[in-house]
Amino acid sequence: MNYGSIGAVIGHEMGHGFDDQGSKYDSRGIKRNWWTEADLARFGQRTGKLASQFSAYESLPGYFIDGAFTLGENIGDLGGVEVAFHAYQLSKNGQPAPVIDGYTGEQRFFLAYAQAWRVHRRDDLALQLLKSDSHSPPKYRVNGILRNIDAWYEAFDVGPDNALWLPEAERVSIW
């Protein structure tokens, strides 16, 4: 559970060095393009796809997330979950995690990630933050991100009949 909660947060923060802004700086912190043209084009394609996904989420009736504005944080969330899940898998040394209270280790990882973003806000505050905060609303930091993680589908046997299903071709993986 620690990997799914604080591990994903740590991965998120580390990932800012490679998000839409951090990626503009080289290993010495100098702002310059260090990417090959092909890599930069692929990065732009993938991050553009993530921005489009988030722009389609209606956070409040008639109000949508600005996927371009929240892109850096969404990249951080996606990368953070991916890195933390990989670290969790490595920590098991090839052994299966025990089933606890009916949940596999992988399920507990994703449940912990979701629980880390549990919040309830009044609509007026939610709207204010939607317009001013570079972070996506907590619900979409979970649902919007996990829809892109193949391991989440496997952990919960999510299929096309489930509301959060996203066809594999539409899932975004930046790294």
C-alpha atoms as a PDB file:
ATOM      1  CA  MET A   1       0.000   0.000   0.000  1.00  0.00           C
ATOM      2  CA  ASN A   2       2.922   2.327   0.651  1.00  0.00           C
ATOM      3  CA  TYR A   3       4.089   1.880  -2.938  1.00  0.00           C
ATOM      4  CA  GLY A   4       0.619   2.814  -4.235  1.00  0.00           C
ATOM      5  CA  SER A   5       0.283   5.881  -2.048  1.00  0.00           C
ATOM      6  CA  ILE A   6       3.533   7.612  -1.102  1.00  0.00           C
ATOM      7  CA  GLY A   7       5.523   5.685  -3.712  1.00  0.00           C
ATOM      8  CA  ALA A   8       3.345   7.126  -6.477  1.00  0.00           C
ATOM      9  CA  VAL A   9       3.727  10.619  -4.968  1.00  0.00           C
ATOM     10  CA  ILE A  10       7.525  10.269  -4.858  1.00  0.00           C
ATOM     11  CA  GLY A  11       7.517   8.998  -8.449  1.00  0.00           C
ATOM     12  CA  HIS A  12       5.285  11.913  -9.424  1.00  0.00           C
ATOM     13  CA  GLU A  13       7.725  14.455  -8.002  1.00  0.00           C
ATOM     14  CA  MET A  14      10.727  12.770  -9.600  1.00  0.00           C
ATOM     15  CA  GLY A  15       8.873  12.719 -12.904  1.00  0.00           C
ATOM     16  CA  HIS A  16       8.567  16.489 -13.000  1.00  0.00           C
ATOM     17  CA  GLY A  17      12.146  16.516 -14.247  1.00  0.00           C
ATOM     18  CA  PHE A  18      10.812  14.912 -17.421  1.00  0.00           C
ATOM     19  CA  ASP A  19       7.339  16.438 -17.800  1.00  0.00           C
ATOM     20  CA  ASP A  20       6.316  19.047 -20.373  1.00  0.00           C
ATOM     21  CA  GLN A  21       8.397  21.698 -18.564  1.00  0.00           C
ATOM     22  CA  GLY A  22      11.215  19.738 -16.904  1.00  0.00           C
ATOM     23  CA  SER A  23      12.049  18.027 -20.179  1.00  0.00           C
ATOM     24  CA  LYS A  24      13.169  21.395 -21.555  1.00  0.00           C
ATOM     25  CA  TYR A  25      16.277  21.357 -19.326  1.00  0.00           C
ATOM     26  CA  ASP A  26      19.377  19.254 -19.797  1.00  0.00           C
ATOM     27  CA  SER A  27      21.266  17.250 -17.149  1.00  0.00           C
ATOM     28  CA  ARG A  28      22.975  20.426 -15.902  1.00  0.00           C
ATOM     29  CA  GLY A  29      19.744  22.371 -15.545  1.00  0.00           C
ATOM     30  CA  ILE A  30      20.378  24.468 -18.640  1.00  0.00           C
ATOM     31  CA  LYS A  31      17.322  25.243 -20.700  1.00  0.00           C
ATOM     32  CA  ARG A  32      18.048  23.760 -24.099  1.00  0.00           C
ATOM     33  CA  ASN A  33      16.639  21.111 -26.370  1.00  0.00           C
ATOM     34  CA  TRP A  34      18.591  17.923 -25.689  1.00  0.00           C
ATOM     35  CA  TRP A  35      16.092  15.641 -27.451  1.00  0.00           C
ATOM     36  CA  THR A  36      16.488  14.043 -30.844  1.00  0.00           C
ATOM     37  CA  GLU A  37      13.864  15.283 -33.288  1.00  0.00           C
ATOM     38  CA  ALA A  38      12.219  11.853 -33.396  1.00  0.00           C
ATOM     39  CA  ASP A  39      12.076  11.522 -29.584  1.00  0.00           C
ATOM     40  CA  LEU A  40      10.687  15.030 -29.173  1.00  0.00           C
ATOM     41  CA  ALA A  41       8.012  14.318 -31.776  1.00  0.00           C
ATOM     42  CA  ARG A  42       7.002  11.067 -30.012  1.00  0.00           C
ATOM     43  CA  PHE A  43       6.948  12.848 -26.647  1.00  0.00           C
ATOM     44  CA  GLY A  44       4.731  15.575 -28.102  1.00  0.00           C
ATOM     45  CA  GLN A  45       2.393  13.014 -29.612  1.00  0.00           C
ATOM     46  CA  ARG A  46       2.029  11.074 -26.374  1.00  0.00           C
ATOM     47  CA  THR A  47       1.646  14.120 -24.133  1.00  0.00           C
ATOM     48  CA  GLY A  48      -0.810  15.631 -26.605  1.00  0.00           C
ATOM     49  CA  LYS A  49      -2.891  12.474 -26.376  1.00  0.00           C
ATOM     50  CA  LEU A  50      -2.856  12.702 -22.564  1.00  0.00           C
ATOM     51  CA  ALA A  51      -3.882  16.375 -22.696  1.00  0.00           C
ATOM     52  CA  SER A  52      -6.754  15.488 -25.035  1.00  0.00           C
ATOM     53  CA  GLN A  53      -7.936  12.731 -22.722  1.00  0.00           C
ATOM     54  CA  PHE A  54      -8.090  15.093 -19.769  1.00  0.00           C
ATOM     55  CA  SER A  55      -9.743  17.872 -21.770  1.00  0.00           C
ATOM     56  CA  ALA A  56     -12.638  15.487 -22.395  1.00  0.00           C
ATOM     57  CA  TYR A  57     -13.352  15.025 -18.675  1.00  0.00           C
ATOM     58  CA  GLU A  58     -16.297  17.065 -17.439  1.00  0.00           C
ATOM     59  CA  SER A  59     -15.445  17.733 -13.816  1.00  0.00           C
ATOM     60  CA  LEU A  60     -18.615  19.687 -13.081  1.00  0.00           C
ATOM     61  CA  PRO A  61     -21.659  20.000 -15.352  1.00  0.00           C
ATOM     62  CA  GLY A  62     -20.551  22.222 -18.230  1.00  0.00           C
ATOM     63  CA  TYR A  63     -16.951  22.575 -16.947  1.00  0.00           C
ATOM     64  CA  PHE A  64     -14.121  20.533 -18.377  1.00  0.00           C
ATOM     65  CA  ILE A  65     -10.528  20.032 -17.300  1.00  0.00           C
ATOM     66  CA  ASP A  66      -8.004  22.041 -19.330  1.00  0.00           C
ATOM     67  CA  GLY A  67      -5.722  19.187 -20.350  1.00  0.00           C
ATOM     68  CA  ALA A  68      -2.985  21.510 -21.589  1.00  0.00           C
ATOM     69  CA  PHE A  69      -2.967  23.464 -18.306  1.00  0.00           C
ATOM     70  CA  THR A  70      -2.845  20.306 -16.160  1.00  0.00           C
ATOM     71  CA  LEU A  71      -0.487  18.387 -18.453  1.00  0.00           C
ATOM     72  CA  GLY A  72       2.649  18.555 -16.301  1.00  0.00           C
ATOM     73  CA  GLU A  73       0.817  17.260 -13.247  1.00  0.00           C
ATOM     74  CA  ASN A  74      -0.956  14.571 -15.252  1.00  0.00           C
ATOM     75  CA  ILE A  75       2.391  13.431 -16.681  1.00  0.00           C
ATOM     76  CA  GLY A  76       3.682  13.357 -13.102  1.00  0.00           C
ATOM     77  CA  ASP A  77       0.745  11.250 -11.945  1.00  0.00           C
ATOM     78  CA  LEU A  78       1.004   8.805 -14.834  1.00  0.00           C
ATOM     79  CA  GLY A  79       4.754   8.398 -14.500  1.00  0.00           C
ATOM     80  CA  GLY A  80       4.536   8.257 -10.712  1.00  0.00           C
ATOM     81  CA  VAL A  81       2.097   5.351 -10.769  1.00  0.00           C
ATOM     82  CA  GLU A  82       4.116   3.523 -13.416  1.00  0.00           C
ATOM     83  CA  VAL A  83       7.417   3.928 -11.536  1.00  0.00           C
ATOM     84  CA  ALA A  84       5.900   3.025  -8.163  1.00  0.00           C
ATOM     85  CA  PHE A  85       4.196  -0.060  -9.579  1.00  0.00           C
ATOM     86  CA  HIS A  86       7.449  -1.172 -11.194  1.00  0.00           C
ATOM     87  CA  ALA A  87       9.282  -0.643  -7.892  1.00  0.00           C
ATOM     88  CA  TYR A  88       6.586  -2.648  -6.091  1.00  0.00           C
ATOM     89  CA  GLN A  89       6.974  -5.501  -8.579  1.00  0.00           C
ATOM     90  CA  LEU A  90      10.759  -5.482  -8.080  1.00  0.00           C
ATOM     91  CA  SER A  91      10.340  -5.521  -4.305  1.00  0.00           C
ATOM     92  CA  LYS A  92       8.563  -8.874  -4.487  1.00  0.00           C
ATOM     93  CA  ASN A  93      11.685 -10.585  -5.894  1.00  0.00           C
ATOM     94  CA  GLY A  94       9.566 -12.675  -8.256  1.00  0.00           C
ATOM     95  CA  GLN A  95       7.336 -13.945  -5.454  1.00  0.00           C
ATOM     96  CA  PRO A  96       3.572 -13.442  -5.382  1.00  0.00           C
ATOM     97  CA  ALA A  97       2.221 -11.039  -2.801  1.00  0.00           C
ATOM     98  CA  PRO A  98      -0.083 -12.528  -0.181  1.00  0.00           C
ATOM     99  CA  VAL A  99      -3.803 -12.072  -0.550  1.00  0.00           C
ATOM    100  CA  ILE A 100      -4.947  -9.945   2.386  1.00  0.00           C
ATOM    101  CA  ASP A 101      -8.625  -9.406   3.166  1.00  0.00           C
ATOM    102  CA  GLY A 102      -9.400 -10.837  -0.254  1.00  0.00           C
ATOM    103  CA  TYR A 103      -7.187  -8.374  -2.179  1.00  0.00           C
ATOM    104  CA  THR A 104      -4.040  -9.194  -4.111  1.00  0.00           C
ATOM    105  CA  GLY A 105      -0.942  -7.062  -3.689  1.00  0.00           C
ATOM    106  CA  GLU A 106      -1.590  -5.437  -7.063  1.00  0.00           C
ATOM    107  CA  GLN A 107      -5.166  -4.596  -6.077  1.00  0.00           C
ATOM    108  CA  ARG A 108      -3.989  -3.121  -2.784  1.00  0.00           C
ATOM    109  CA  PHE A 109      -1.437  -1.002  -4.672  1.00  0.00           C
ATOM    110  CA  PHE A 110      -4.156   0.590  -6.833  1.00  0.00           C
ATOM    111  CA  LEU A 111      -6.637   0.895  -3.959  1.00  0.00           C
ATOM    112  CA  ALA A 112      -4.000   2.756  -1.934  1.00  0.00           C
ATOM    113  CA  TYR A 113      -3.375   5.101  -4.856  1.00  0.00           C
ATOM    114  CA  ALA A 114      -7.085   5.847  -5.083  1.00  0.00           C
ATOM    115  CA  GLN A 115      -7.430   6.322  -1.325  1.00  0.00           C
ATOM    116  CA  ALA A 116      -4.583   8.858  -1.347  1.00  0.00           C
ATOM    117  CA  TRP A 117      -6.780  11.168  -3.482  1.00  0.00           C
ATOM    118  CA  ARG A 118     -10.072  10.773  -1.598  1.00  0.00           C
ATOM    119  CA  VAL A 119     -11.596  14.196  -1.125  1.00  0.00           C
ATOM    120  CA  HIS A 120     -14.967  15.873  -1.206  1.00  0.00           C
ATOM    121  CA  ARG A 121     -15.260  19.531  -2.162  1.00  0.00           C
ATOM    122  CA  ARG A 122     -18.115  21.954  -2.473  1.00  0.00           C
ATOM    123  CA  ASP A 123     -18.868  22.798  -6.093  1.00  0.00           C
ATOM    124  CA  ASP A 124     -17.797  26.429  -5.698  1.00  0.00           C
ATOM    125  CA  LEU A 125     -14.336  25.421  -4.466  1.00  0.00           C
ATOM    126  CA  ALA A 126     -14.085  22.645  -7.056  1.00  0.00           C
ATOM    127  CA  LEU A 127     -14.849  25.171  -9.817  1.00  0.00           C
ATOM    128  CA  GLN A 128     -12.349  27.687  -8.455  1.00  0.00           C
ATOM    129  CA  LEU A 129      -9.625  25.031  -8.374  1.00  0.00           C
ATOM    130  CA  LEU A 130     -10.586  23.713 -11.811  1.00  0.00           C
ATOM    131  CA  LYS A 131      -9.874  27.185 -13.206  1.00  0.00           C
ATOM    132  CA  SER A 132      -6.729  27.972 -11.190  1.00  0.00           C
ATOM    133  CA  ASP A 133      -4.948  24.786 -10.052  1.00  0.00           C
ATOM    134  CA  SER A 134      -2.539  23.020 -12.404  1.00  0.00           C
ATOM    135  CA  HIS A 135      -3.541  19.709 -10.801  1.00  0.00           C
ATOM    136  CA  SER A 136      -6.534  17.842 -12.189  1.00  0.00           C
ATOM    137  CA  PRO A 137      -9.396  17.269  -9.745  1.00  0.00           C
ATOM    138  CA  PRO A 138      -8.621  14.298  -7.474  1.00  0.00           C
ATOM    139  CA  LYS A 139     -11.239  12.039  -9.064  1.00  0.00           C
ATOM    140  CA  TYR A 140      -9.446  12.332 -12.400  1.00  0.00           C
ATOM    141  CA  ARG A 141      -5.998  12.006 -10.876  1.00  0.00           C
ATOM    142  CA  VAL A 142      -7.240   8.491 -10.160  1.00  0.00           C
ATOM    143  CA  ASN A 143      -9.746   7.549 -12.869  1.00  0.00           C
ATOM    144  CA  GLY A 144      -8.043   9.513 -15.639  1.00  0.00           C
ATOM    145  CA  ILE A 145      -4.632   8.043 -14.871  1.00  0.00           C
ATOM    146  CA  LEU A 146      -5.475   4.431 -14.055  1.00  0.00           C
ATOM    147  CA  ARG A 147      -7.354   4.030 -17.334  1.00  0.00           C
ATOM    148  CA  ASN A 148      -3.919   4.226 -18.985  1.00  0.00           C
ATOM    149  CA  ILE A 149      -2.220   1.577 -16.809  1.00  0.00           C
ATOM    150  CA  ASP A 150      -2.383  -1.962 -18.202  1.00  0.00           C
ATOM    151  CA  ALA A 151      -1.612  -3.496 -14.793  1.00  0.00           C
ATOM    152  CA  TRP A 152      -4.752  -1.874 -13.346  1.00  0.00           C
ATOM    153  CA  TYR A 153      -6.888  -3.672 -15.927  1.00  0.00           C
ATOM    154  CA  GLU A 154      -5.196  -6.955 -15.038  1.00  0.00           C
ATOM    155  CA  ALA A 155      -5.480  -6.425 -11.272  1.00  0.00           C
ATOM    156  CA  PHE A 156      -9.226  -5.891 -11.358  1.00  0.00           C
ATOM    157  CA  ASP A 157     -10.099  -7.810 -14.531  1.00  0.00           C
ATOM    158  CA  VAL A 158     -11.470  -4.610 -16.105  1.00  0.00           C
ATOM    159  CA  GLY A 159     -13.014  -5.229 -19.510  1.00  0.00           C
ATOM    160  CA  PRO A 160     -14.954  -3.455 -22.241  1.00  0.00           C
ATOM    161  CA  ASP A 161     -18.196  -3.700 -20.268  1.00  0.00           C
ATOM    162  CA  ASN A 162     -16.770  -1.626 -17.401  1.00  0.00           C
ATOM    163  CA  ALA A 163     -17.287   2.138 -17.224  1.00  0.00           C
ATOM    164  CA  LEU A 164     -13.586   2.998 -16.941  1.00  0.00           C
ATOM    165  CA  TRP A 165     -12.495   0.747 -19.806  1.00  0.00           C
ATOM    166  CA  LEU A 166     -10.224   2.433 -22.322  1.00  0.00           C
ATOM    167  CA  PRO A 167      -9.252   0.482 -25.432  1.00  0.00           C
ATOM    168  CA  GLU A 168      -5.567  -0.399 -25.456  1.00  0.00           C
ATOM    169  CA  ALA A 169      -4.908   1.730 -28.557  1.00  0.00           C
ATOM    170  CA  GLU A 170      -6.211   4.808 -26.692  1.00  0.00           C
ATOM    171  CA  ARG A 171      -4.111   4.309 -23.560  1.00  0.00           C
ATOM    172  CA  VAL A 172      -1.167   6.624 -23.063  1.00  0.00           C
ATOM    173  CA  SER A 173       2.254   5.528 -21.927  1.00  0.00           C
ATOM    174  CA  ILE A 174       4.853   8.253 -22.016  1.00  0.00           C
ATOM    175  CA  TRP A 175       7.858   6.373 -20.660  1.00  0.00           C
END
